[in-house]
Amino acid sequence: MDASDEAALGLHQIEGFLRLEAGRREAHRKARDFARELPGFTTDQRMVIEEAYAREEVENSRRVAEQIAERVGQVRARYEVRHRRFARETAAVMAVITTGLIGLCVAVILGTAAGSA
């Protein structure tokens, strides 16, 4: 792995970490907003509710990300199969065309040689 690959990987990892942290912060903000609207609870009870809500939000986000990654993998696999088939078919067509052109060239050369004799 060269330096540019390592840099790209490092940036990807940093981007993932920042996205994860932003998601966690957003989950805690939503949890605080939700807990604030609950009347009749003590501060400690609101904190427990907030933590449970935030954990659930983070878990939901994780599940959605896993589902998206799984779907991306399925789509990628399907397109890889299509690409391989397209490449095989293209190679076969090119082989037929090349063979035909070689045959045509041989026929022209032989025809020219026979006509000069």
PDB file of N, CA and C in Angstrom:
ATOM      1  N   MET A   1       0.854  -1.172   0.000  1.00  0.00           N
ATOM      2  CA  MET A   1       0.000   0.000   0.000  1.00  0.00           C
ATOM      3  C   MET A   1       0.899   1.234   0.000  1.00  0.00           C
ATOM      4  N   ASP A   2       0.693   2.105  -0.992  1.00  0.00           N
ATOM      5  CA  ASP A   2       1.536   3.297  -1.061  1.00  0.00           C
ATOM      6  C   ASP A   2       0.957   4.416  -0.187  1.00  0.00           C
ATOM      7  N   ALA A   3       1.679   5.519  -0.138  1.00  0.00           N
ATOM      8  CA  ALA A   3       1.310   6.617   0.762  1.00  0.00           C
ATOM      9  C   ALA A   3      -0.063   7.195   0.438  1.00  0.00           C
ATOM     10  N   SER A   4      -0.392   7.311  -0.855  1.00  0.00           N
ATOM     11  CA  SER A   4      -1.698   7.893  -1.209  1.00  0.00           C
ATOM     12  C   SER A   4      -2.828   6.958  -0.790  1.00  0.00           C
ATOM     13  N   ASP A   5      -2.618   5.630  -0.896  1.00  0.00           N
ATOM     14  CA  ASP A   5      -3.627   4.673  -0.440  1.00  0.00           C
ATOM     15  C   ASP A   5      -3.796   4.757   1.079  1.00  0.00           C
ATOM     16  N   GLU A   6      -2.676   4.867   1.778  1.00  0.00           N
ATOM     17  CA  GLU A   6      -2.736   4.979   3.243  1.00  0.00           C
ATOM     18  C   GLU A   6      -3.439   6.268   3.651  1.00  0.00           C
ATOM     19  N   ALA A   7      -3.166   7.347   2.947  1.00  0.00           N
ATOM     20  CA  ALA A   7      -3.809   8.623   3.250  1.00  0.00           C
ATOM     21  C   ALA A   7      -5.307   8.533   2.994  1.00  0.00           C
ATOM     22  N   ALA A   8      -5.687   7.908   1.886  1.00  0.00           N
ATOM     23  CA  ALA A   8      -7.111   7.763   1.565  1.00  0.00           C
ATOM     24  C   ALA A   8      -7.808   6.912   2.618  1.00  0.00           C
ATOM     25  N   LEU A   9      -7.155   5.831   3.044  1.00  0.00           N
ATOM     26  CA  LEU A   9      -7.721   4.974   4.080  1.00  0.00           C
ATOM     27  C   LEU A   9      -7.861   5.741   5.390  1.00  0.00           C
ATOM     28  N   GLY A  10      -6.830   6.498   5.742  1.00  0.00           N
ATOM     29  CA  GLY A  10      -6.877   7.297   6.973  1.00  0.00           C
ATOM     30  C   GLY A  10      -7.995   8.322   6.929  1.00  0.00           C
ATOM     31  N   LEU A  11      -8.152   8.996   5.799  1.00  0.00           N
ATOM     32  CA  LEU A  11      -9.243   9.974   5.660  1.00  0.00           C
ATOM     33  C   LEU A  11     -10.599   9.300   5.756  1.00  0.00           C
ATOM     34  N   HIS A  12     -10.713   8.121   5.161  1.00  0.00           N
ATOM     35  CA  HIS A  12     -11.963   7.367   5.224  1.00  0.00           C
ATOM     36  C   HIS A  12     -12.299   6.998   6.675  1.00  0.00           C
ATOM     37  N   GLN A  13     -11.288   6.565   7.410  1.00  0.00           N
ATOM     38  CA  GLN A  13     -11.494   6.200   8.812  1.00  0.00           C
ATOM     39  C   GLN A  13     -11.874   7.418   9.650  1.00  0.00           C
ATOM     40  N   ILE A  14     -11.213   8.535   9.417  1.00  0.00           N
ATOM     41  CA  ILE A  14     -11.533   9.766  10.152  1.00  0.00           C
ATOM     42  C   ILE A  14     -12.958  10.207   9.825  1.00  0.00           C
ATOM     43  N   GLU A  15     -13.311  10.143   8.540  1.00  0.00           N
ATOM     44  CA  GLU A  15     -14.658  10.523   8.121  1.00  0.00           C
ATOM     45  C   GLU A  15     -15.711   9.638   8.799  1.00  0.00           C
ATOM     46  N   GLY A  16     -15.443   8.338   8.859  1.00  0.00           N
ATOM     47  CA  GLY A  16     -16.358   7.409   9.523  1.00  0.00           C
ATOM     48  C   GLY A  16     -16.498   7.723  11.004  1.00  0.00           C
ATOM     49  N   PHE A  17     -15.366   8.008  11.656  1.00  0.00           N
ATOM     50  CA  PHE A  17     -15.397   8.344  13.086  1.00  0.00           C
ATOM     51  C   PHE A  17     -16.202   9.620  13.319  1.00  0.00           C
ATOM     52  N   LEU A  18     -15.950  10.639  12.497  1.00  0.00           N
ATOM     53  CA  LEU A  18     -16.676  11.907  12.663  1.00  0.00           C
ATOM     54  C   LEU A  18     -18.171  11.725  12.418  1.00  0.00           C
ATOM     55  N   ARG A  19     -18.510  10.898  11.434  1.00  0.00           N
ATOM     56  CA  ARG A  19     -19.920  10.637  11.161  1.00  0.00           C
ATOM     57  C   ARG A  19     -20.575   9.912  12.347  1.00  0.00           C
ATOM     58  N   LEU A  20     -19.863   8.945  12.906  1.00  0.00           N
ATOM     59  CA  LEU A  20     -20.368   8.205  14.060  1.00  0.00           C
ATOM     60  C   LEU A  20     -20.567   9.134  15.257  1.00  0.00           C
ATOM     61  N   GLU A  21     -19.580   9.974  15.516  1.00  0.00           N
ATOM     62  CA  GLU A  21     -19.689  10.909  16.637  1.00  0.00           C
ATOM     63  C   GLU A  21     -20.824  11.910  16.424  1.00  0.00           C
ATOM     64  N   ALA A  22     -20.993  12.387  15.208  1.00  0.00           N
ATOM     65  CA  ALA A  22     -22.093  13.309  14.922  1.00  0.00           C
ATOM     66  C   ALA A  22     -23.432  12.615  15.153  1.00  0.00           C
ATOM     67  N   GLY A  23     -23.521  11.359  14.773  1.00  0.00           N
ATOM     68  CA  GLY A  23     -24.745  10.591  15.009  1.00  0.00           C
ATOM     69  C   GLY A  23     -25.022  10.420  16.492  1.00  0.00           C
ATOM     70  N   ARG A  24     -23.982  10.154  17.255  1.00  0.00           N
ATOM     71  CA  ARG A  24     -24.153  10.001  18.713  1.00  0.00           C
ATOM     72  C   ARG A  24     -24.583  11.316  19.352  1.00  0.00           C
ATOM     73  N   ARG A  25     -23.944  12.410  18.924  1.00  0.00           N
ATOM     74  CA  ARG A  25     -24.330  13.723  19.475  1.00  0.00           C
ATOM     75  C   ARG A  25     -25.788  14.038  19.146  1.00  0.00           C
ATOM     76  N   GLU A  26     -26.182  13.748  17.915  1.00  0.00           N
ATOM     77  CA  GLU A  26     -27.564  13.997  17.503  1.00  0.00           C
ATOM     78  C   GLU A  26     -28.527  13.125  18.309  1.00  0.00           C
ATOM     79  N   ALA A  27     -28.153  11.876  18.555  1.00  0.00           N
ATOM     80  CA  ALA A  27     -29.003  10.992  19.358  1.00  0.00           C
ATOM     81  C   ALA A  27     -29.162  11.544  20.769  1.00  0.00           C
ATOM     82  N   HIS A  28     -28.078  12.041  21.358  1.00  0.00           N
ATOM     83  CA  HIS A  28     -28.162  12.598  22.717  1.00  0.00           C
ATOM     84  C   HIS A  28     -28.974  13.902  22.726  1.00  0.00           C
ATOM     85  N   ARG A  29     -28.840  14.701  21.683  1.00  0.00           N
ATOM     86  CA  ARG A  29     -29.643  15.929  21.610  1.00  0.00           C
ATOM     87  C   ARG A  29     -31.116  15.585  21.531  1.00  0.00           C
ATOM     88  N   LYS A  30     -31.472  14.629  20.691  1.00  0.00           N
ATOM     89  CA  LYS A  30     -32.869  14.225  20.567  1.00  0.00           C
ATOM     90  C   LYS A  30     -33.378  13.639  21.883  1.00  0.00           C
ATOM     91  N   ALA A  31     -32.521  12.881  22.555  1.00  0.00           N
ATOM     92  CA  ALA A  31     -32.900  12.279  23.834  1.00  0.00           C
ATOM     93  C   ALA A  31     -33.141  13.362  24.886  1.00  0.00           C
ATOM     94  N   ARG A  32     -32.264  14.385  24.917  1.00  0.00           N
ATOM     95  CA  ARG A  32     -32.457  15.495  25.869  1.00  0.00           C
ATOM     96  C   ARG A  32     -33.764  16.215  25.596  1.00  0.00           C
ATOM     97  N   ASP A  33     -34.020  16.486  24.299  1.00  0.00           N
ATOM     98  CA  ASP A  33     -35.268  17.169  23.938  1.00  0.00           C
ATOM     99  C   ASP A  33     -36.481  16.343  24.345  1.00  0.00           C
ATOM    100  N   PHE A  34     -36.405  15.048  24.139  1.00  0.00           N
ATOM    101  CA  PHE A  34     -37.508  14.161  24.505  1.00  0.00           C
ATOM    102  C   PHE A  34     -37.706  14.140  26.016  1.00  0.00           C
ATOM    103  N   ALA A  35     -36.612  13.996  26.759  1.00  0.00           N
ATOM    104  CA  ALA A  35     -36.710  13.897  28.223  1.00  0.00           C
ATOM    105  C   ALA A  35     -37.202  15.200  28.837  1.00  0.00           C
ATOM    106  N   ARG A  36     -36.862  16.344  28.241  1.00  0.00           N
ATOM    107  CA  ARG A  36     -37.309  17.635  28.759  1.00  0.00           C
ATOM    108  C   ARG A  36     -38.825  17.765  28.734  1.00  0.00           C
ATOM    109  N   GLU A  37     -39.440  17.099  27.768  1.00  0.00           N
ATOM    110  CA  GLU A  37     -40.898  17.217  27.609  1.00  0.00           C
ATOM    111  C   GLU A  37     -41.676  16.301  28.540  1.00  0.00           C
ATOM    112  N   LEU A  38     -40.993  15.505  29.349  1.00  0.00           N
ATOM    113  CA  LEU A  38     -41.674  14.574  30.244  1.00  0.00           C
ATOM    114  C   LEU A  38     -41.887  15.223  31.607  1.00  0.00           C
ATOM    115  N   PRO A  39     -43.115  15.538  31.939  1.00  0.00           N
ATOM    116  CA  PRO A  39     -43.378  16.160  33.248  1.00  0.00           C
ATOM    117  C   PRO A  39     -43.372  15.116  34.364  1.00  0.00           C
ATOM    118  N   GLY A  40     -43.055  15.550  35.547  1.00  0.00           N
ATOM    119  CA  GLY A  40     -43.179  14.703  36.728  1.00  0.00           C
ATOM    120  C   GLY A  40     -42.012  13.774  36.987  1.00  0.00           C
ATOM    121  N   PHE A  41     -40.923  13.902  36.268  1.00  0.00           N
ATOM    122  CA  PHE A  41     -39.754  13.053  36.504  1.00  0.00           C
ATOM    123  C   PHE A  41     -38.662  13.871  37.178  1.00  0.00           C
ATOM    124  N   THR A  42     -37.889  13.191  37.996  1.00  0.00           N
ATOM    125  CA  THR A  42     -36.747  13.860  38.612  1.00  0.00           C
ATOM    126  C   THR A  42     -35.633  13.972  37.575  1.00  0.00           C
ATOM    127  N   THR A  43     -34.619  14.745  37.930  1.00  0.00           N
ATOM    128  CA  THR A  43     -33.469  14.903  37.034  1.00  0.00           C
ATOM    129  C   THR A  43     -32.811  13.557  36.776  1.00  0.00           C
ATOM    130  N   ASP A  44     -32.652  12.757  37.812  1.00  0.00           N
ATOM    131  CA  ASP A  44     -32.031  11.434  37.648  1.00  0.00           C
ATOM    132  C   ASP A  44     -32.873  10.533  36.741  1.00  0.00           C
ATOM    133  N   GLN A  45     -34.183  10.586  36.924  1.00  0.00           N
ATOM    134  CA  GLN A  45     -35.060   9.778  36.069  1.00  0.00           C
ATOM    135  C   GLN A  45     -34.974  10.230  34.609  1.00  0.00           C
ATOM    136  N   ARG A  46     -34.921  11.538  34.414  1.00  0.00           N
ATOM    137  CA  ARG A  46     -34.776  12.057  33.045  1.00  0.00           C
ATOM    138  C   ARG A  46     -33.451  11.609  32.429  1.00  0.00           C
ATOM    139  N   MET A  47     -32.398  11.588  33.233  1.00  0.00           N
ATOM    140  CA  MET A  47     -31.086  11.145  32.738  1.00  0.00           C
ATOM    141  C   MET A  47     -31.139   9.674  32.308  1.00  0.00           C
ATOM    142  N   VAL A  48     -31.816   8.847  33.091  1.00  0.00           N
ATOM    143  CA  VAL A  48     -31.953   7.424  32.747  1.00  0.00           C
ATOM    144  C   VAL A  48     -32.721   7.285  31.432  1.00  0.00           C
ATOM    145  N   ILE A  49     -33.807   8.044  31.315  1.00  0.00           N
ATOM    146  CA  ILE A  49     -34.612   8.010  30.083  1.00  0.00           C
ATOM    147  C   ILE A  49     -33.774   8.506  28.904  1.00  0.00           C
ATOM    148  N   GLU A  50     -33.043   9.580  29.124  1.00  0.00           N
ATOM    149  CA  GLU A  50     -32.204  10.158  28.071  1.00  0.00           C
ATOM    150  C   GLU A  50     -31.166   9.146  27.585  1.00  0.00           C
ATOM    151  N   GLU A  51     -30.501   8.483  28.506  1.00  0.00           N
ATOM    152  CA  GLU A  51     -29.486   7.498  28.131  1.00  0.00           C
ATOM    153  C   GLU A  51     -30.107   6.326  27.363  1.00  0.00           C
ATOM    154  N   ALA A  52     -31.253   5.844  27.835  1.00  0.00           N
ATOM    155  CA  ALA A  52     -31.919   4.729  27.149  1.00  0.00           C
ATOM    156  C   ALA A  52     -32.350   5.144  25.745  1.00  0.00           C
ATOM    157  N   TYR A  53     -32.899   6.336  25.624  1.00  0.00           N
ATOM    158  CA  TYR A  53     -33.344   6.850  24.324  1.00  0.00           C
ATOM    159  C   TYR A  53     -32.145   7.006  23.380  1.00  0.00           C
ATOM    160  N   ALA A  54     -31.062   7.574  23.882  1.00  0.00           N
ATOM    161  CA  ALA A  54     -29.867   7.782  23.058  1.00  0.00           C
ATOM    162  C   ALA A  54     -29.282   6.449  22.608  1.00  0.00           C
ATOM    163  N   ARG A  55     -29.216   5.472  23.524  1.00  0.00           N
ATOM    164  CA  ARG A  55     -28.710   4.140  23.155  1.00  0.00           C
ATOM    165  C   ARG A  55     -29.558   3.527  22.050  1.00  0.00           C
ATOM    166  N   GLU A  56     -30.875   3.664  22.177  1.00  0.00           N
ATOM    167  CA  GLU A  56     -31.789   3.107  21.166  1.00  0.00           C
ATOM    168  C   GLU A  56     -31.599   3.805  19.818  1.00  0.00           C
ATOM    169  N   GLU A  57     -31.421   5.122  19.844  1.00  0.00           N
ATOM    170  CA  GLU A  57     -31.187   5.871  18.598  1.00  0.00           C
ATOM    171  C   GLU A  57     -29.890   5.417  17.915  1.00  0.00           C
ATOM    172  N   VAL A  58     -28.837   5.270  18.698  1.00  0.00           N
ATOM    173  CA  VAL A  58     -27.548   4.836  18.142  1.00  0.00           C
ATOM    174  C   VAL A  58     -27.681   3.418  17.587  1.00  0.00           C
ATOM    175  N   GLU A  59     -28.356   2.544  18.298  1.00  0.00           N
ATOM    176  CA  GLU A  59     -28.554   1.172  17.838  1.00  0.00           C
ATOM    177  C   GLU A  59     -29.377   1.143  16.546  1.00  0.00           C
ATOM    178  N   ASN A  60     -30.411   1.955  16.478  1.00  0.00           N
ATOM    179  CA  ASN A  60     -31.214   2.033  15.244  1.00  0.00           C
ATOM    180  C   ASN A  60     -30.352   2.512  14.079  1.00  0.00           C
ATOM    181  N   SER A  61     -29.531   3.514  14.316  1.00  0.00           N
ATOM    182  CA  SER A  61     -28.649   4.025  13.262  1.00  0.00           C
ATOM    183  C   SER A  61     -27.675   2.951  12.806  1.00  0.00           C
ATOM    184  N   ARG A  62     -27.145   2.188  13.747  1.00  0.00           N
ATOM    185  CA  ARG A  62     -26.213   1.113  13.419  1.00  0.00           C
ATOM    186  C   ARG A  62     -26.901   0.056  12.562  1.00  0.00           C
ATOM    187  N   ARG A  63     -28.135  -0.325  12.941  1.00  0.00           N
ATOM    188  CA  ARG A  63     -28.873  -1.328  12.175  1.00  0.00           C
ATOM    189  C   ARG A  63     -29.157  -0.845  10.758  1.00  0.00           C
ATOM    190  N   VAL A  64     -29.557   0.417  10.631  1.00  0.00           N
ATOM    191  CA  VAL A  64     -29.833   0.972   9.304  1.00  0.00           C
ATOM    192  C   VAL A  64     -28.562   0.966   8.460  1.00  0.00           C
ATOM    193  N   ALA A  65     -27.439   1.363   9.050  1.00  0.00           N
ATOM    194  CA  ALA A  65     -26.167   1.374   8.319  1.00  0.00           C
ATOM    195  C   ALA A  65     -25.790  -0.036   7.873  1.00  0.00           C
ATOM    196  N   GLU A  66     -25.999  -1.021   8.739  1.00  0.00           N
ATOM    197  CA  GLU A  66     -25.701  -2.406   8.371  1.00  0.00           C
ATOM    198  C   GLU A  66     -26.604  -2.879   7.239  1.00  0.00           C
ATOM    199  N   GLN A  67     -27.878  -2.506   7.283  1.00  0.00           N
ATOM    200  CA  GLN A  67     -28.801  -2.893   6.215  1.00  0.00           C
ATOM    201  C   GLN A  67     -28.395  -2.248   4.894  1.00  0.00           C
ATOM    202  N   ILE A  68     -27.997  -0.991   4.947  1.00  0.00           N
ATOM    203  CA  ILE A  68     -27.553  -0.302   3.728  1.00  0.00           C
ATOM    204  C   ILE A  68     -26.302  -0.976   3.184  1.00  0.00           C
ATOM    205  N   ALA A  69     -25.350  -1.276   4.063  1.00  0.00           N
ATOM    206  CA  ALA A  69     -24.106  -1.930   3.629  1.00  0.00           C
ATOM    207  C   ALA A  69     -24.407  -3.296   3.021  1.00  0.00           C
ATOM    208  N   GLU A  70     -25.321  -4.032   3.608  1.00  0.00           N
ATOM    209  CA  GLU A  70     -25.699  -5.346   3.070  1.00  0.00           C
ATOM    210  C   GLU A  70     -26.320  -5.195   1.684  1.00  0.00           C
ATOM    211  N   ARG A  71     -27.201  -4.218   1.536  1.00  0.00           N
ATOM    212  CA  ARG A  71     -27.852  -3.991   0.239  1.00  0.00           C
ATOM    213  C   ARG A  71     -26.828  -3.555  -0.808  1.00  0.00           C
ATOM    214  N   VAL A  72     -25.902  -2.692  -0.428  1.00  0.00           N
ATOM    215  CA  VAL A  72     -24.846  -2.262  -1.352  1.00  0.00           C
ATOM    216  C   VAL A  72     -24.037  -3.480  -1.797  1.00  0.00           C
ATOM    217  N   GLY A  73     -23.734  -4.369  -0.875  1.00  0.00           N
ATOM    218  CA  GLY A  73     -22.995  -5.594  -1.220  1.00  0.00           C
ATOM    219  C   GLY A  73     -23.770  -6.463  -2.198  1.00  0.00           C
ATOM    220  N   GLN A  74     -25.082  -6.578  -1.993  1.00  0.00           N
ATOM    221  CA  GLN A  74     -25.906  -7.370  -2.906  1.00  0.00           C
ATOM    222  C   GLN A  74     -25.924  -6.755  -4.299  1.00  0.00           C
ATOM    223  N   VAL A  75     -26.104  -5.451  -4.362  1.00  0.00           N
ATOM    224  CA  VAL A  75     -26.142  -4.770  -5.660  1.00  0.00           C
ATOM    225  C   VAL A  75     -24.786  -4.883  -6.349  1.00  0.00           C
ATOM    226  N   ARG A  76     -23.729  -4.716  -5.585  1.00  0.00           N
ATOM    227  CA  ARG A  76     -22.382  -4.822  -6.159  1.00  0.00           C
ATOM    228  C   ARG A  76     -22.146  -6.214  -6.733  1.00  0.00           C
ATOM    229  N   ALA A  77     -22.540  -7.247  -5.995  1.00  0.00           N
ATOM    230  CA  ALA A  77     -22.361  -8.621  -6.470  1.00  0.00           C
ATOM    231  C   ALA A  77     -23.141  -8.844  -7.768  1.00  0.00           C
ATOM    232  N   ARG A  78     -24.357  -8.318  -7.821  1.00  0.00           N
ATOM    233  CA  ARG A  78     -25.174  -8.483  -9.024  1.00  0.00           C
ATOM    234  C   ARG A  78     -24.511  -7.793 -10.222  1.00  0.00           C
ATOM    235  N   TYR A  79     -23.991  -6.605 -10.023  1.00  0.00           N
ATOM    236  CA  TYR A  79     -23.351  -5.888 -11.120  1.00  0.00           C
ATOM    237  C   TYR A  79     -22.013  -6.502 -11.509  1.00  0.00           C
ATOM    238  N   GLU A  80     -21.314  -7.105 -10.557  1.00  0.00           N
ATOM    239  CA  GLU A  80     -20.076  -7.806 -10.903  1.00  0.00           C
ATOM    240  C   GLU A  80     -20.382  -8.992 -11.814  1.00  0.00           C
ATOM    241  N   VAL A  81     -21.473  -9.713 -11.535  1.00  0.00           N
ATOM    242  CA  VAL A  81     -21.877 -10.826 -12.393  1.00  0.00           C
ATOM    243  C   VAL A  81     -22.211 -10.305 -13.785  1.00  0.00           C
ATOM    244  N   ARG A  82     -22.973  -9.214 -13.843  1.00  0.00           N
ATOM    245  CA  ARG A  82     -23.316  -8.628 -15.142  1.00  0.00           C
ATOM    246  C   ARG A  82     -22.073  -8.183 -15.900  1.00  0.00           C
ATOM    247  N   HIS A  83     -21.142  -7.577 -15.186  1.00  0.00           N
ATOM    248  CA  HIS A  83     -19.919  -7.100 -15.830  1.00  0.00           C
ATOM    249  C   HIS A  83     -19.107  -8.257 -16.395  1.00  0.00           C
ATOM    250  N   ARG A  84     -18.964  -9.340 -15.624  1.00  0.00           N
ATOM    251  CA  ARG A  84     -18.208 -10.500 -16.104  1.00  0.00           C
ATOM    252  C   ARG A  84     -18.866 -11.089 -17.356  1.00  0.00           C
ATOM    253  N   ARG A  85     -20.205 -11.194 -17.335  1.00  0.00           N
ATOM    254  CA  ARG A  85     -20.917 -11.722 -18.503  1.00  0.00           C
ATOM    255  C   ARG A  85     -20.706 -10.802 -19.710  1.00  0.00           C
ATOM    256  N   PHE A  86     -20.822  -9.500 -19.498  1.00  0.00           N
ATOM    257  CA  PHE A  86     -20.613  -8.530 -20.585  1.00  0.00           C
ATOM    258  C   PHE A  86     -19.194  -8.658 -21.141  1.00  0.00           C
ATOM    259  N   ALA A  87     -18.214  -8.783 -20.261  1.00  0.00           N
ATOM    260  CA  ALA A  87     -16.817  -8.903 -20.703  1.00  0.00           C
ATOM    261  C   ALA A  87     -16.617 -10.183 -21.508  1.00  0.00           C
ATOM    262  N   ARG A  88     -17.200 -11.303 -21.062  1.00  0.00           N
ATOM    263  CA  ARG A  88     -17.093 -12.565 -21.814  1.00  0.00           C
ATOM    264  C   ARG A  88     -17.733 -12.437 -23.186  1.00  0.00           C
ATOM    265  N   GLU A  89     -18.944 -11.874 -23.215  1.00  0.00           N
ATOM    266  CA  GLU A  89     -19.659 -11.731 -24.483  1.00  0.00           C
ATOM    267  C   GLU A  89     -18.915 -10.795 -25.429  1.00  0.00           C
ATOM    268  N   THR A  90     -18.369  -9.722 -24.901  1.00  0.00           N
ATOM    269  CA  THR A  90     -17.612  -8.775 -25.716  1.00  0.00           C
ATOM    270  C   THR A  90     -16.356  -9.445 -26.275  1.00  0.00           C
ATOM    271  N   ALA A  91     -15.672 -10.226 -25.449  1.00  0.00           N
ATOM    272  CA  ALA A  91     -14.472 -10.937 -25.916  1.00  0.00           C
ATOM    273  C   ALA A  91     -14.834 -11.931 -27.017  1.00  0.00           C
ATOM    274  N   ALA A  92     -15.948 -12.621 -26.856  1.00  0.00           N
ATOM    275  CA  ALA A  92     -16.367 -13.584 -27.880  1.00  0.00           C
ATOM    276  C   ALA A  92     -16.693 -12.872 -29.191  1.00  0.00           C
ATOM    277  N   VAL A  93     -17.419 -11.770 -29.112  1.00  0.00           N
ATOM    278  CA  VAL A  93     -17.763 -11.009 -30.319  1.00  0.00           C
ATOM    279  C   VAL A  93     -16.496 -10.477 -30.980  1.00  0.00           C
ATOM    280  N   MET A  94     -15.575  -9.965 -30.186  1.00  0.00           N
ATOM    281  CA  MET A  94     -14.322  -9.443 -30.745  1.00  0.00           C
ATOM    282  C   MET A  94     -13.512 -10.563 -31.402  1.00  0.00           C
ATOM    283  N   ALA A  95     -13.531 -11.753 -30.828  1.00  0.00           N
ATOM    284  CA  ALA A  95     -12.819 -12.887 -31.427  1.00  0.00           C
ATOM    285  C   ALA A  95     -13.439 -13.245 -32.781  1.00  0.00           C
ATOM    286  N   VAL A  96     -14.760 -13.243 -32.871  1.00  0.00           N
ATOM    287  CA  VAL A  96     -15.438 -13.539 -34.130  1.00  0.00           C
ATOM    288  C   VAL A  96     -15.118 -12.469 -35.175  1.00  0.00           C
ATOM    289  N   ILE A  97     -15.172 -11.212 -34.775  1.00  0.00           N
ATOM    290  CA  ILE A  97     -14.873 -10.115 -35.707  1.00  0.00           C
ATOM    291  C   ILE A  97     -13.426 -10.200 -36.183  1.00  0.00           C
ATOM    292  N   THR A  98     -12.509 -10.432 -35.243  1.00  0.00           N
ATOM    293  CA  THR A  98     -11.097 -10.534 -35.600  1.00  0.00           C
ATOM    294  C   THR A  98     -10.865 -11.692 -36.558  1.00  0.00           C
ATOM    295  N   THR A  99     -11.464 -12.837 -36.264  1.00  0.00           N
ATOM    296  CA  THR A  99     -11.324 -14.000 -37.147  1.00  0.00           C
ATOM    297  C   THR A  99     -11.881 -13.683 -38.537  1.00  0.00           C
ATOM    298  N   GLY A 100     -13.020 -13.030 -38.590  1.00  0.00           N
ATOM    299  CA  GLY A 100     -13.617 -12.647 -39.874  1.00  0.00           C
ATOM    300  C   GLY A 100     -12.736 -11.692 -40.651  1.00  0.00           C
ATOM    301  N   LEU A 101     -12.169 -10.713 -39.966  1.00  0.00           N
ATOM    302  CA  LEU A 101     -11.288  -9.755 -40.639  1.00  0.00           C
ATOM    303  C   LEU A 101     -10.012 -10.419 -41.143  1.00  0.00           C
ATOM    304  N   ILE A 102      -9.465 -11.334 -40.352  1.00  0.00           N
ATOM    305  CA  ILE A 102      -8.270 -12.061 -40.794  1.00  0.00           C
ATOM    306  C   ILE A 102      -8.613 -12.898 -42.027  1.00  0.00           C
ATOM    307  N   GLY A 103      -9.755 -13.569 -41.986  1.00  0.00           N
ATOM    308  CA  GLY A 103     -10.194 -14.350 -43.147  1.00  0.00           C
ATOM    309  C   GLY A 103     -10.380 -13.476 -44.376  1.00  0.00           C
ATOM    310  N   LEU A 104     -10.968 -12.295 -44.189  1.00  0.00           N
ATOM    311  CA  LEU A 104     -11.161 -11.362 -45.301  1.00  0.00           C
ATOM    312  C   LEU A 104      -9.816 -10.903 -45.865  1.00  0.00           C
ATOM    313  N   CYS A 105      -8.872 -10.581 -44.998  1.00  0.00           N
ATOM    314  CA  CYS A 105      -7.536 -10.160 -45.440  1.00  0.00           C
ATOM    315  C   CYS A 105      -6.849 -11.273 -46.221  1.00  0.00           C
ATOM    316  N   VAL A 106      -6.936 -12.495 -45.730  1.00  0.00           N
ATOM    317  CA  VAL A 106      -6.323 -13.646 -46.414  1.00  0.00           C
ATOM    318  C   VAL A 106      -6.965 -13.823 -47.786  1.00  0.00           C
ATOM    319  N   ALA A 107      -8.301 -13.684 -47.836  1.00  0.00           N
ATOM    320  CA  ALA A 107      -9.001 -13.840 -49.110  1.00  0.00           C
ATOM    321  C   ALA A 107      -8.582 -12.749 -50.091  1.00  0.00           C
ATOM    322  N   VAL A 108      -8.452 -11.520 -49.598  1.00  0.00           N
ATOM    323  CA  VAL A 108      -8.041 -10.417 -50.481  1.00  0.00           C
ATOM    324  C   VAL A 108      -6.611 -10.660 -50.976  1.00  0.00           C
ATOM    325  N   ILE A 109      -5.731 -11.068 -50.095  1.00  0.00           N
ATOM    326  CA  ILE A 109      -4.330 -11.321 -50.476  1.00  0.00           C
ATOM    327  C   ILE A 109      -4.257 -12.461 -51.493  1.00  0.00           C
ATOM    328  N   LEU A 110      -4.966 -13.549 -51.225  1.00  0.00           N
ATOM    329  CA  LEU A 110      -4.948 -14.670 -52.149  1.00  0.00           C
ATOM    330  C   LEU A 110      -5.588 -14.305 -53.488  1.00  0.00           C
ATOM    331  N   GLY A 111      -6.673 -13.510 -53.394  1.00  0.00           N
ATOM    332  CA  GLY A 111      -7.324 -13.070 -54.636  1.00  0.00           C
ATOM    333  C   GLY A 111      -6.430 -12.166 -55.457  1.00  0.00           C
ATOM    334  N   THR A 112      -5.716 -11.292 -54.762  1.00  0.00           N
ATOM    335  CA  THR A 112      -4.786 -10.393 -55.446  1.00  0.00           C
ATOM    336  C   THR A 112      -3.638 -11.183 -56.048  1.00  0.00           C
ATOM    337  N   ALA A 113      -3.114 -12.157 -55.284  1.00  0.00           N
ATOM    338  CA  ALA A 113      -2.000 -12.983 -55.754  1.00  0.00           C
ATOM    339  C   ALA A 113      -2.440 -13.834 -56.932  1.00  0.00           C
ATOM    340  N   ALA A 114      -3.649 -14.381 -56.904  1.00  0.00           N
ATOM    341  CA  ALA A 114      -4.156 -15.219 -58.001  1.00  0.00           C
ATOM    342  C   ALA A 114      -4.408 -14.373 -59.242  1.00  0.00           C
ATOM    343  N   GLY A 115      -4.848 -13.131 -59.033  1.00  0.00           N
ATOM    344  CA  GLY A 115      -5.120 -12.243 -60.165  1.00  0.00           C
ATOM    345  C   GLY A 115      -3.846 -11.786 -60.842  1.00  0.00           C
ATOM    346  N   SER A 116      -2.720 -11.693 -60.100  1.00  0.00           N
ATOM    347  CA  SER A 116      -1.471 -11.261 -60.711  1.00  0.00           C
ATOM    348  C   SER A 116      -0.748 -12.408 -61.396  1.00  0.00           C
ATOM    349  N   ALA A 117      -1.130 -13.623 -61.096  1.00  0.00           N
ATOM    350  CA  ALA A 117      -0.385 -14.760 -61.669  1.00  0.00           C
ATOM    351  C   ALA A 117      -0.866 -15.126 -63.037  1.00  0.00           C
TER     352      ALA A 117
END
